[in-house]
Amino acid sequence: MPNNTSMLLKAATAQYNTEYLKRLQKMIDAIYTKKEGANARNNKLKKQKALNYQMESDRINGILANSLLSQTHPNYTRLKNRAKELEELGALAFNRKIPE
């Protein structure tokens, strides 16, 4: 017949293990939540950057298309160069669609 101390020790150990596993699960959940939050933030920043490039590209192309700037004007050259840089950055790769 097992003694009472042995049974109490087993019960206490089981309770401790259960509490430990609960704490461990909370820590794991916190890590995943933190990673998901960081990924969501990074995705949002990438989309915002792409949208900013797209909007700047549209603005510059609109100025170049609708303005009376002569081709010898310093701003004309600077705007053409910036439009080319934006195209290389992929601002026009979205086919005029704003990423969600």
PDB file of N, CA and C in Angstrom:
ATOM      1  N   MET A   1       0.847  -1.173   0.000  1.00  0.00           N
ATOM      2  CA  MET A   1       0.000   0.000   0.000  1.00  0.00           C
ATOM      3  C   MET A   1       0.895   1.239   0.000  1.00  0.00           C
ATOM      4  N   PRO A   2       0.701   2.121  -0.994  1.00  0.00           N
ATOM      5  CA  PRO A   2       1.558   3.308  -1.065  1.00  0.00           C
ATOM      6  C   PRO A   2       1.251   4.262   0.082  1.00  0.00           C
ATOM      7  N   ASN A   3       2.297   4.897   0.548  1.00  0.00           N
ATOM      8  CA  ASN A   3       2.068   5.813   1.663  1.00  0.00           C
ATOM      9  C   ASN A   3       1.519   7.154   1.169  1.00  0.00           C
ATOM     10  N   ASN A   4       1.002   7.892   2.076  1.00  0.00           N
ATOM     11  CA  ASN A   4       0.322   9.142   1.780  1.00  0.00           C
ATOM     12  C   ASN A   4       1.296  10.196   1.238  1.00  0.00           C
ATOM     13  N   THR A   5       2.521  10.221   1.697  1.00  0.00           N
ATOM     14  CA  THR A   5       3.523  11.186   1.256  1.00  0.00           C
ATOM     15  C   THR A   5       3.849  10.988  -0.212  1.00  0.00           C
ATOM     16  N   SER A   6       3.973   9.767  -0.624  1.00  0.00           N
ATOM     17  CA  SER A   6       4.268   9.443  -2.018  1.00  0.00           C
ATOM     18  C   SER A   6       3.161   9.938  -2.942  1.00  0.00           C
ATOM     19  N   MET A   7       1.937   9.741  -2.546  1.00  0.00           N
ATOM     20  CA  MET A   7       0.802  10.183  -3.375  1.00  0.00           C
ATOM     21  C   MET A   7       0.746  11.703  -3.451  1.00  0.00           C
ATOM     22  N   LEU A   8       1.013  12.370  -2.327  1.00  0.00           N
ATOM     23  CA  LEU A   8       1.012  13.835  -2.322  1.00  0.00           C
ATOM     24  C   LEU A   8       2.128  14.385  -3.206  1.00  0.00           C
ATOM     25  N   LEU A   9       3.278  13.735  -3.162  1.00  0.00           N
ATOM     26  CA  LEU A   9       4.405  14.159  -3.983  1.00  0.00           C
ATOM     27  C   LEU A   9       4.083  14.018  -5.464  1.00  0.00           C
ATOM     28  N   LYS A  10       3.461  12.900  -5.835  1.00  0.00           N
ATOM     29  CA  LYS A  10       3.069  12.692  -7.226  1.00  0.00           C
ATOM     30  C   LYS A  10       2.044  13.732  -7.669  1.00  0.00           C
ATOM     31  N   ALA A  11       1.088  14.038  -6.826  1.00  0.00           N
ATOM     32  CA  ALA A  11       0.061  15.028  -7.149  1.00  0.00           C
ATOM     33  C   ALA A  11       0.680  16.417  -7.312  1.00  0.00           C
ATOM     34  N   ALA A  12       1.603  16.755  -6.414  1.00  0.00           N
ATOM     35  CA  ALA A  12       2.260  18.062  -6.479  1.00  0.00           C
ATOM     36  C   ALA A  12       3.115  18.170  -7.736  1.00  0.00           C
ATOM     37  N   THR A  13       3.795  17.111  -8.084  1.00  0.00           N
ATOM     38  CA  THR A  13       4.625  17.092  -9.282  1.00  0.00           C
ATOM     39  C   THR A  13       3.769  17.248 -10.537  1.00  0.00           C
ATOM     40  N   ALA A  14       2.662  16.559 -10.578  1.00  0.00           N
ATOM     41  CA  ALA A  14       1.758  16.656 -11.731  1.00  0.00           C
ATOM     42  C   ALA A  14       1.212  18.081 -11.854  1.00  0.00           C
ATOM     43  N   GLN A  15       0.843  18.676 -10.720  1.00  0.00           N
ATOM     44  CA  GLN A  15       0.328  20.049 -10.719  1.00  0.00           C
ATOM     45  C   GLN A  15       1.408  21.009 -11.204  1.00  0.00           C
ATOM     46  N   TYR A  16       2.637  20.823 -10.716  1.00  0.00           N
ATOM     47  CA  TYR A  16       3.754  21.679 -11.121  1.00  0.00           C
ATOM     48  C   TYR A  16       4.001  21.559 -12.620  1.00  0.00           C
ATOM     49  N   ASN A  17       4.013  20.325 -13.134  1.00  0.00           N
ATOM     50  CA  ASN A  17       4.238  20.116 -14.561  1.00  0.00           C
ATOM     51  C   ASN A  17       3.151  20.783 -15.401  1.00  0.00           C
ATOM     52  N   THR A  18       1.909  20.704 -14.941  1.00  0.00           N
ATOM     53  CA  THR A  18       0.808  21.327 -15.658  1.00  0.00           C
ATOM     54  C   THR A  18       0.993  22.841 -15.704  1.00  0.00           C
ATOM     55  N   GLU A  19       1.341  23.433 -14.561  1.00  0.00           N
ATOM     56  CA  GLU A  19       1.554  24.888 -14.505  1.00  0.00           C
ATOM     57  C   GLU A  19       2.744  25.291 -15.381  1.00  0.00           C
ATOM     58  N   TYR A  20       3.795  24.491 -15.341  1.00  0.00           N
ATOM     59  CA  TYR A  20       4.980  24.763 -16.166  1.00  0.00           C
ATOM     60  C   TYR A  20       4.614  24.740 -17.649  1.00  0.00           C
ATOM     61  N   LEU A  21       3.858  23.745 -18.053  1.00  0.00           N
ATOM     62  CA  LEU A  21       3.464  23.638 -19.455  1.00  0.00           C
ATOM     63  C   LEU A  21       2.565  24.801 -19.879  1.00  0.00           C
ATOM     64  N   LYS A  22       1.710  25.252 -18.975  1.00  0.00           N
ATOM     65  CA  LYS A  22       0.871  26.414 -19.288  1.00  0.00           C
ATOM     66  C   LYS A  22       1.725  27.663 -19.480  1.00  0.00           C
ATOM     67  N   ARG A  23       2.709  27.876 -18.589  1.00  0.00           N
ATOM     68  CA  ARG A  23       3.612  29.032 -18.725  1.00  0.00           C
ATOM     69  C   ARG A  23       4.411  28.942 -20.014  1.00  0.00           C
ATOM     70  N   LEU A  24       4.877  27.752 -20.328  1.00  0.00           N
ATOM     71  CA  LEU A  24       5.649  27.541 -21.545  1.00  0.00           C
ATOM     72  C   LEU A  24       4.809  27.841 -22.784  1.00  0.00           C
ATOM     73  N   GLN A  25       3.558  27.414 -22.801  1.00  0.00           N
ATOM     74  CA  GLN A  25       2.664  27.686 -23.932  1.00  0.00           C
ATOM     75  C   GLN A  25       2.411  29.181 -24.075  1.00  0.00           C
ATOM     76  N   LYS A  26       2.267  29.898 -22.955  1.00  0.00           N
ATOM     77  CA  LYS A  26       2.070  31.352 -23.017  1.00  0.00           C
ATOM     78  C   LYS A  26       3.284  32.041 -23.624  1.00  0.00           C
ATOM     79  N   MET A  27       4.485  31.570 -23.268  1.00  0.00           N
ATOM     80  CA  MET A  27       5.707  32.160 -23.825  1.00  0.00           C
ATOM     81  C   MET A  27       5.797  31.894 -25.324  1.00  0.00           C
ATOM     82  N   ILE A  28       5.462  30.693 -25.745  1.00  0.00           N
ATOM     83  CA  ILE A  28       5.488  30.348 -27.173  1.00  0.00           C
ATOM     84  C   ILE A  28       4.478  31.197 -27.938  1.00  0.00           C
ATOM     85  N   ASP A  29       3.286  31.350 -27.398  1.00  0.00           N
ATOM     86  CA  ASP A  29       2.259  32.173 -28.041  1.00  0.00           C
ATOM     87  C   ASP A  29       2.720  33.627 -28.167  1.00  0.00           C
ATOM     88  N   ALA A  30       3.388  34.140 -27.130  1.00  0.00           N
ATOM     89  CA  ALA A  30       3.876  35.516 -27.166  1.00  0.00           C
ATOM     90  C   ALA A  30       4.918  35.695 -28.266  1.00  0.00           C
ATOM     91  N   ILE A  31       5.778  34.708 -28.439  1.00  0.00           N
ATOM     92  CA  ILE A  31       6.805  34.786 -29.488  1.00  0.00           C
ATOM     93  C   ILE A  31       6.149  34.825 -30.859  1.00  0.00           C
ATOM     94  N   TYR A  32       5.173  33.952 -31.092  1.00  0.00           N
ATOM     95  CA  TYR A  32       4.493  33.936 -32.391  1.00  0.00           C
ATOM     96  C   TYR A  32       3.734  35.230 -32.636  1.00  0.00           C
ATOM     97  N   THR A  33       3.091  35.760 -31.607  1.00  0.00           N
ATOM     98  CA  THR A  33       2.360  37.014 -31.745  1.00  0.00           C
ATOM     99  C   THR A  33       3.319  38.147 -32.103  1.00  0.00           C
ATOM    100  N   LYS A  34       4.463  38.168 -31.468  1.00  0.00           N
ATOM    101  CA  LYS A  34       5.464  39.202 -31.744  1.00  0.00           C
ATOM    102  C   LYS A  34       5.965  39.093 -33.182  1.00  0.00           C
ATOM    103  N   LYS A  35       6.233  37.874 -33.653  1.00  0.00           N
ATOM    104  CA  LYS A  35       6.701  37.672 -35.027  1.00  0.00           C
ATOM    105  C   LYS A  35       5.628  38.081 -36.029  1.00  0.00           C
ATOM    106  N   GLU A  36       4.384  37.709 -35.756  1.00  0.00           N
ATOM    107  CA  GLU A  36       3.293  38.069 -36.665  1.00  0.00           C
ATOM    108  C   GLU A  36       3.133  39.581 -36.742  1.00  0.00           C
ATOM    109  N   GLY A  37       3.266  40.250 -35.613  1.00  0.00           N
ATOM    110  CA  GLY A  37       3.164  41.703 -35.587  1.00  0.00           C
ATOM    111  C   GLY A  37       4.287  42.355 -36.377  1.00  0.00           C
ATOM    112  N   ALA A  38       5.488  41.835 -36.235  1.00  0.00           N
ATOM    113  CA  ALA A  38       6.634  42.385 -36.974  1.00  0.00           C
ATOM    114  C   ALA A  38       6.462  42.158 -38.470  1.00  0.00           C
ATOM    115  N   ASN A  39       5.989  40.979 -38.856  1.00  0.00           N
ATOM    116  CA  ASN A  39       5.772  40.700 -40.280  1.00  0.00           C
ATOM    117  C   ASN A  39       4.690  41.600 -40.855  1.00  0.00           C
ATOM    118  N   ALA A  40       3.628  41.803 -40.109  1.00  0.00           N
ATOM    119  CA  ALA A  40       2.546  42.667 -40.581  1.00  0.00           C
ATOM    120  C   ALA A  40       3.049  44.100 -40.753  1.00  0.00           C
ATOM    121  N   ARG A  41       3.854  44.565 -39.813  1.00  0.00           N
ATOM    122  CA  ARG A  41       4.406  45.920 -39.902  1.00  0.00           C
ATOM    123  C   ARG A  41       5.332  46.053 -41.110  1.00  0.00           C
ATOM    124  N   ASN A  42       6.190  45.062 -41.322  1.00  0.00           N
ATOM    125  CA  ASN A  42       7.094  45.103 -42.471  1.00  0.00           C
ATOM    126  C   ASN A  42       6.327  45.110 -43.790  1.00  0.00           C
ATOM    127  N   ASN A  43       5.283  44.289 -43.881  1.00  0.00           N
ATOM    128  CA  ASN A  43       4.473  44.266 -45.103  1.00  0.00           C
ATOM    129  C   ASN A  43       3.802  45.606 -45.341  1.00  0.00           C
ATOM    130  N   LYS A  44       3.294  46.212 -44.272  1.00  0.00           N
ATOM    131  CA  LYS A  44       2.639  47.512 -44.397  1.00  0.00           C
ATOM    132  C   LYS A  44       3.640  48.569 -44.865  1.00  0.00           C
ATOM    133  N   LEU A  45       4.858  48.554 -44.313  1.00  0.00           N
ATOM    134  CA  LEU A  45       5.875  49.522 -44.714  1.00  0.00           C
ATOM    135  C   LEU A  45       6.293  49.337 -46.165  1.00  0.00           C
ATOM    136  N   LYS A  46       6.415  48.081 -46.606  1.00  0.00           N
ATOM    137  CA  LYS A  46       6.765  47.818 -48.008  1.00  0.00           C
ATOM    138  C   LYS A  46       5.690  48.344 -48.946  1.00  0.00           C
ATOM    139  N   LYS A  47       4.431  48.096 -48.601  1.00  0.00           N
ATOM    140  CA  LYS A  47       3.329  48.575 -49.437  1.00  0.00           C
ATOM    141  C   LYS A  47       3.280  50.095 -49.458  1.00  0.00           C
ATOM    142  N   GLN A  48       3.537  50.720 -48.304  1.00  0.00           N
ATOM    143  CA  GLN A  48       3.522  52.178 -48.242  1.00  0.00           C
ATOM    144  C   GLN A  48       4.655  52.764 -49.078  1.00  0.00           C
ATOM    145  N   LYS A  49       5.825  52.138 -49.012  1.00  0.00           N
ATOM    146  CA  LYS A  49       6.957  52.618 -49.799  1.00  0.00           C
ATOM    147  C   LYS A  49       6.660  52.490 -51.293  1.00  0.00           C
ATOM    148  N   ALA A  50       6.096  51.365 -51.700  1.00  0.00           N
ATOM    149  CA  ALA A  50       5.748  51.168 -53.105  1.00  0.00           C
ATOM    150  C   ALA A  50       4.703  52.198 -53.543  1.00  0.00           C
ATOM    151  N   LEU A  51       3.734  52.456 -52.697  1.00  0.00           N
ATOM    152  CA  LEU A  51       2.706  53.445 -53.013  1.00  0.00           C
ATOM    153  C   LEU A  51       3.317  54.841 -53.124  1.00  0.00           C
ATOM    154  N   ASN A  52       4.249  55.177 -52.233  1.00  0.00           N
ATOM    155  CA  ASN A  52       4.916  56.474 -52.304  1.00  0.00           C
ATOM    156  C   ASN A  52       5.693  56.627 -53.610  1.00  0.00           C
ATOM    157  N   TYR A  53       6.419  55.588 -54.004  1.00  0.00           N
ATOM    158  CA  TYR A  53       7.150  55.628 -55.273  1.00  0.00           C
ATOM    159  C   TYR A  53       6.185  55.798 -56.448  1.00  0.00           C
ATOM    160  N   GLN A  54       5.086  55.071 -56.402  1.00  0.00           N
ATOM    161  CA  GLN A  54       4.105  55.132 -57.481  1.00  0.00           C
ATOM    162  C   GLN A  54       3.509  56.540 -57.580  1.00  0.00           C
ATOM    163  N   MET A  55       3.164  57.108 -56.435  1.00  0.00           N
ATOM    164  CA  MET A  55       2.568  58.442 -56.432  1.00  0.00           C
ATOM    165  C   MET A  55       3.570  59.497 -56.909  1.00  0.00           C
ATOM    166  N   GLU A  56       4.816  59.380 -56.484  1.00  0.00           N
ATOM    167  CA  GLU A  56       5.839  60.328 -56.936  1.00  0.00           C
ATOM    168  C   GLU A  56       6.061  60.191 -58.435  1.00  0.00           C
ATOM    169  N   SER A  57       6.088  58.963 -58.915  1.00  0.00           N
ATOM    170  CA  SER A  57       6.266  58.729 -60.347  1.00  0.00           C
ATOM    171  C   SER A  57       5.108  59.333 -61.140  1.00  0.00           C
ATOM    172  N   ASP A  58       3.890  59.124 -60.684  1.00  0.00           N
ATOM    173  CA  ASP A  58       2.724  59.700 -61.361  1.00  0.00           C
ATOM    174  C   ASP A  58       2.781  61.223 -61.362  1.00  0.00           C
ATOM    175  N   ARG A  59       3.177  61.796 -60.230  1.00  0.00           N
ATOM    176  CA  ARG A  59       3.267  63.254 -60.123  1.00  0.00           C
ATOM    177  C   ARG A  59       4.296  63.811 -61.098  1.00  0.00           C
ATOM    178  N   ILE A  60       5.480  63.197 -61.136  1.00  0.00           N
ATOM    179  CA  ILE A  60       6.537  63.678 -62.028  1.00  0.00           C
ATOM    180  C   ILE A  60       6.132  63.517 -63.488  1.00  0.00           C
ATOM    181  N   ASN A  61       5.577  62.363 -63.829  1.00  0.00           N
ATOM    182  CA  ASN A  61       5.150  62.158 -65.220  1.00  0.00           C
ATOM    183  C   ASN A  61       4.055  63.139 -65.613  1.00  0.00           C
ATOM    184  N   GLY A  62       3.178  63.464 -64.676  1.00  0.00           N
ATOM    185  CA  GLY A  62       2.143  64.459 -64.948  1.00  0.00           C
ATOM    186  C   GLY A  62       2.732  65.831 -65.188  1.00  0.00           C
ATOM    187  N   ILE A  63       3.710  66.207 -64.399  1.00  0.00           N
ATOM    188  CA  ILE A  63       4.369  67.502 -64.585  1.00  0.00           C
ATOM    189  C   ILE A  63       5.058  67.550 -65.940  1.00  0.00           C
ATOM    190  N   LEU A  64       5.774  66.479 -66.271  1.00  0.00           N
ATOM    191  CA  LEU A  64       6.499  66.451 -67.545  1.00  0.00           C
ATOM    192  C   LEU A  64       5.545  66.462 -68.740  1.00  0.00           C
ATOM    193  N   ALA A  65       4.407  65.809 -68.607  1.00  0.00           N
ATOM    194  CA  ALA A  65       3.466  65.717 -69.722  1.00  0.00           C
ATOM    195  C   ALA A  65       2.663  67.004 -69.903  1.00  0.00           C
ATOM    196  N   ASN A  66       2.357  67.695 -68.822  1.00  0.00           N
ATOM    197  CA  ASN A  66       1.452  68.830 -68.901  1.00  0.00           C
ATOM    198  C   ASN A  66       2.116  70.185 -68.710  1.00  0.00           C
ATOM    199  N   SER A  67       3.407  70.231 -68.586  1.00  0.00           N
ATOM    200  CA  SER A  67       4.045  71.511 -68.294  1.00  0.00           C
ATOM    201  C   SER A  67       4.653  72.117 -69.544  1.00  0.00           C
ATOM    202  N   LEU A  68       4.994  73.356 -69.380  1.00  0.00           N
ATOM    203  CA  LEU A  68       5.638  74.086 -70.474  1.00  0.00           C
ATOM    204  C   LEU A  68       7.138  74.222 -70.224  1.00  0.00           C
ATOM    205  N   LEU A  69       7.680  73.340 -69.391  1.00  0.00           N
ATOM    206  CA  LEU A  69       9.125  73.382 -69.137  1.00  0.00           C
ATOM    207  C   LEU A  69       9.865  73.060 -70.432  1.00  0.00           C
ATOM    208  N   SER A  70      10.798  73.899 -70.729  1.00  0.00           N
ATOM    209  CA  SER A  70      11.592  73.588 -71.920  1.00  0.00           C
ATOM    210  C   SER A  70      12.596  72.504 -71.557  1.00  0.00           C
ATOM    211  N   GLN A  71      13.062  71.817 -72.556  1.00  0.00           N
ATOM    212  CA  GLN A  71      13.981  70.709 -72.307  1.00  0.00           C
ATOM    213  C   GLN A  71      15.343  71.199 -71.837  1.00  0.00           C
ATOM    214  N   THR A  72      15.594  72.476 -71.953  1.00  0.00           N
ATOM    215  CA  THR A  72      16.874  73.015 -71.480  1.00  0.00           C
ATOM    216  C   THR A  72      16.784  73.512 -70.043  1.00  0.00           C
ATOM    217  N   HIS A  73      15.592  73.559 -69.493  1.00  0.00           N
ATOM    218  CA  HIS A  73      15.407  74.021 -68.115  1.00  0.00           C
ATOM    219  C   HIS A  73      16.001  72.999 -67.152  1.00  0.00           C
ATOM    220  N   PRO A  74      16.740  73.440 -66.095  1.00  0.00           N
ATOM    221  CA  PRO A  74      17.377  72.481 -65.160  1.00  0.00           C
ATOM    222  C   PRO A  74      16.373  71.552 -64.466  1.00  0.00           C
ATOM    223  N   ASN A  75      15.189  72.055 -64.162  1.00  0.00           N
ATOM    224  CA  ASN A  75      14.202  71.195 -63.508  1.00  0.00           C
ATOM    225  C   ASN A  75      13.736  70.079 -64.426  1.00  0.00           C
ATOM    226  N   TYR A  76      13.662  70.328 -65.712  1.00  0.00           N
ATOM    227  CA  TYR A  76      13.234  69.303 -66.662  1.00  0.00           C
ATOM    228  C   TYR A  76      14.194  68.123 -66.608  1.00  0.00           C
ATOM    229  N   THR A  77      15.484  68.410 -66.652  1.00  0.00           N
ATOM    230  CA  THR A  77      16.485  67.342 -66.612  1.00  0.00           C
ATOM    231  C   THR A  77      16.423  66.586 -65.285  1.00  0.00           C
ATOM    232  N   ARG A  78      16.280  67.327 -64.198  1.00  0.00           N
ATOM    233  CA  ARG A  78      16.227  66.696 -62.884  1.00  0.00           C
ATOM    234  C   ARG A  78      14.984  65.804 -62.755  1.00  0.00           C
ATOM    235  N   LEU A  79      13.848  66.292 -63.249  1.00  0.00           N
ATOM    236  CA  LEU A  79      12.627  65.496 -63.192  1.00  0.00           C
ATOM    237  C   LEU A  79      12.719  64.252 -64.070  1.00  0.00           C
ATOM    238  N   LYS A  80      13.303  64.386 -65.243  1.00  0.00           N
ATOM    239  CA  LYS A  80      13.472  63.214 -66.125  1.00  0.00           C
ATOM    240  C   LYS A  80      14.363  62.167 -65.448  1.00  0.00           C
ATOM    241  N   ASN A  81      15.440  62.623 -64.820  1.00  0.00           N
ATOM    242  CA  ASN A  81      16.343  61.692 -64.133  1.00  0.00           C
ATOM    243  C   ASN A  81      15.640  60.993 -62.975  1.00  0.00           C
ATOM    244  N   ARG A  82      14.841  61.749 -62.217  1.00  0.00           N
ATOM    245  CA  ARG A  82      14.125  61.143 -61.091  1.00  0.00           C
ATOM    246  C   ARG A  82      13.076  60.151 -61.592  1.00  0.00           C
ATOM    247  N   ALA A  83      12.409  60.476 -62.696  1.00  0.00           N
ATOM    248  CA  ALA A  83      11.427  59.550 -63.267  1.00  0.00           C
ATOM    249  C   ALA A  83      12.106  58.247 -63.682  1.00  0.00           C
ATOM    250  N   LYS A  84      13.297  58.367 -64.240  1.00  0.00           N
ATOM    251  CA  LYS A  84      14.051  57.179 -64.646  1.00  0.00           C
ATOM    252  C   LYS A  84      14.460  56.354 -63.417  1.00  0.00           C
ATOM    253  N   GLU A  85      14.893  57.039 -62.346  1.00  0.00           N
ATOM    254  CA  GLU A  85      15.257  56.335 -61.110  1.00  0.00           C
ATOM    255  C   GLU A  85      14.055  55.583 -60.533  1.00  0.00           C
ATOM    256  N   LEU A  86      12.909  56.251 -60.526  1.00  0.00           N
ATOM    257  CA  LEU A  86      11.712  55.615 -59.989  1.00  0.00           C
ATOM    258  C   LEU A  86      11.309  54.401 -60.816  1.00  0.00           C
ATOM    259  N   GLU A  87      11.470  54.503 -62.096  1.00  0.00           N
ATOM    260  CA  GLU A  87      11.139  53.359 -62.956  1.00  0.00           C
ATOM    261  C   GLU A  87      12.064  52.188 -62.642  1.00  0.00           C
ATOM    262  N   GLU A  88      13.334  52.488 -62.413  1.00  0.00           N
ATOM    263  CA  GLU A  88      14.283  51.432 -62.061  1.00  0.00           C
ATOM    264  C   GLU A  88      13.950  50.823 -60.688  1.00  0.00           C
ATOM    265  N   LEU A  89      13.410  51.633 -59.790  1.00  0.00           N
ATOM    266  CA  LEU A  89      13.021  51.129 -58.477  1.00  0.00           C
ATOM    267  C   LEU A  89      11.759  50.284 -58.533  1.00  0.00           C
ATOM    268  N   GLY A  90      11.101  50.298 -59.658  1.00  0.00           N
ATOM    269  CA  GLY A  90       9.932  49.444 -59.816  1.00  0.00           C
ATOM    270  C   GLY A  90       8.619  50.140 -59.537  1.00  0.00           C
ATOM    271  N   ALA A  91       8.609  51.458 -59.554  1.00  0.00           N
ATOM    272  CA  ALA A  91       7.372  52.177 -59.270  1.00  0.00           C
ATOM    273  C   ALA A  91       6.307  51.893 -60.319  1.00  0.00           C
ATOM    274  N   LEU A  92       6.722  51.612 -61.524  1.00  0.00           N
ATOM    275  CA  LEU A  92       5.752  51.362 -62.586  1.00  0.00           C
ATOM    276  C   LEU A  92       5.440  49.873 -62.743  1.00  0.00           C
ATOM    277  N   ALA A  93       6.053  49.060 -61.921  1.00  0.00           N
ATOM    278  CA  ALA A  93       5.858  47.603 -62.046  1.00  0.00           C
ATOM    279  C   ALA A  93       4.509  47.160 -61.531  1.00  0.00           C
ATOM    280  N   PHE A  94       3.803  48.015 -60.838  1.00  0.00           N
ATOM    281  CA  PHE A  94       2.525  47.629 -60.259  1.00  0.00           C
ATOM    282  C   PHE A  94       1.385  47.827 -61.236  1.00  0.00           C
ATOM    283  N   ASN A  95       1.716  48.276 -62.440  1.00  0.00           N
ATOM    284  CA  ASN A  95       0.709  48.428 -63.492  1.00  0.00           C
ATOM    285  C   ASN A  95      -0.447  49.310 -63.025  1.00  0.00           C
ATOM    286  N   ARG A  96      -0.072  50.369 -62.326  1.00  0.00           N
ATOM    287  CA  ARG A  96      -1.019  51.372 -61.839  1.00  0.00           C
ATOM    288  C   ARG A  96      -1.999  50.836 -60.807  1.00  0.00           C
ATOM    289  N   LYS A  97      -1.705  49.702 -60.213  1.00  0.00           N
ATOM    290  CA  LYS A  97      -2.567  49.167 -59.166  1.00  0.00           C
ATOM    291  C   LYS A  97      -1.918  49.469 -57.821  1.00  0.00           C
ATOM    292  N   ILE A  98      -2.700  49.950 -56.884  1.00  0.00           N
ATOM    293  CA  ILE A  98      -2.199  50.204 -55.552  1.00  0.00           C
ATOM    294  C   ILE A  98      -2.255  48.899 -54.776  1.00  0.00           C
ATOM    295  N   PRO A  99      -1.115  48.453 -54.209  1.00  0.00           N
ATOM    296  CA  PRO A  99      -1.122  47.187 -53.469  1.00  0.00           C
ATOM    297  C   PRO A  99      -2.003  47.298 -52.234  1.00  0.00           C
ATOM    298  N   GLU A 100      -2.641  46.201 -51.890  1.00  0.00           N
ATOM    299  CA  GLU A 100      -3.541  46.190 -50.727  1.00  0.00           C
ATOM    300  C   GLU A 100      -2.768  45.963 -49.455  1.00  0.00           C
TER     301      GLU A 100
END
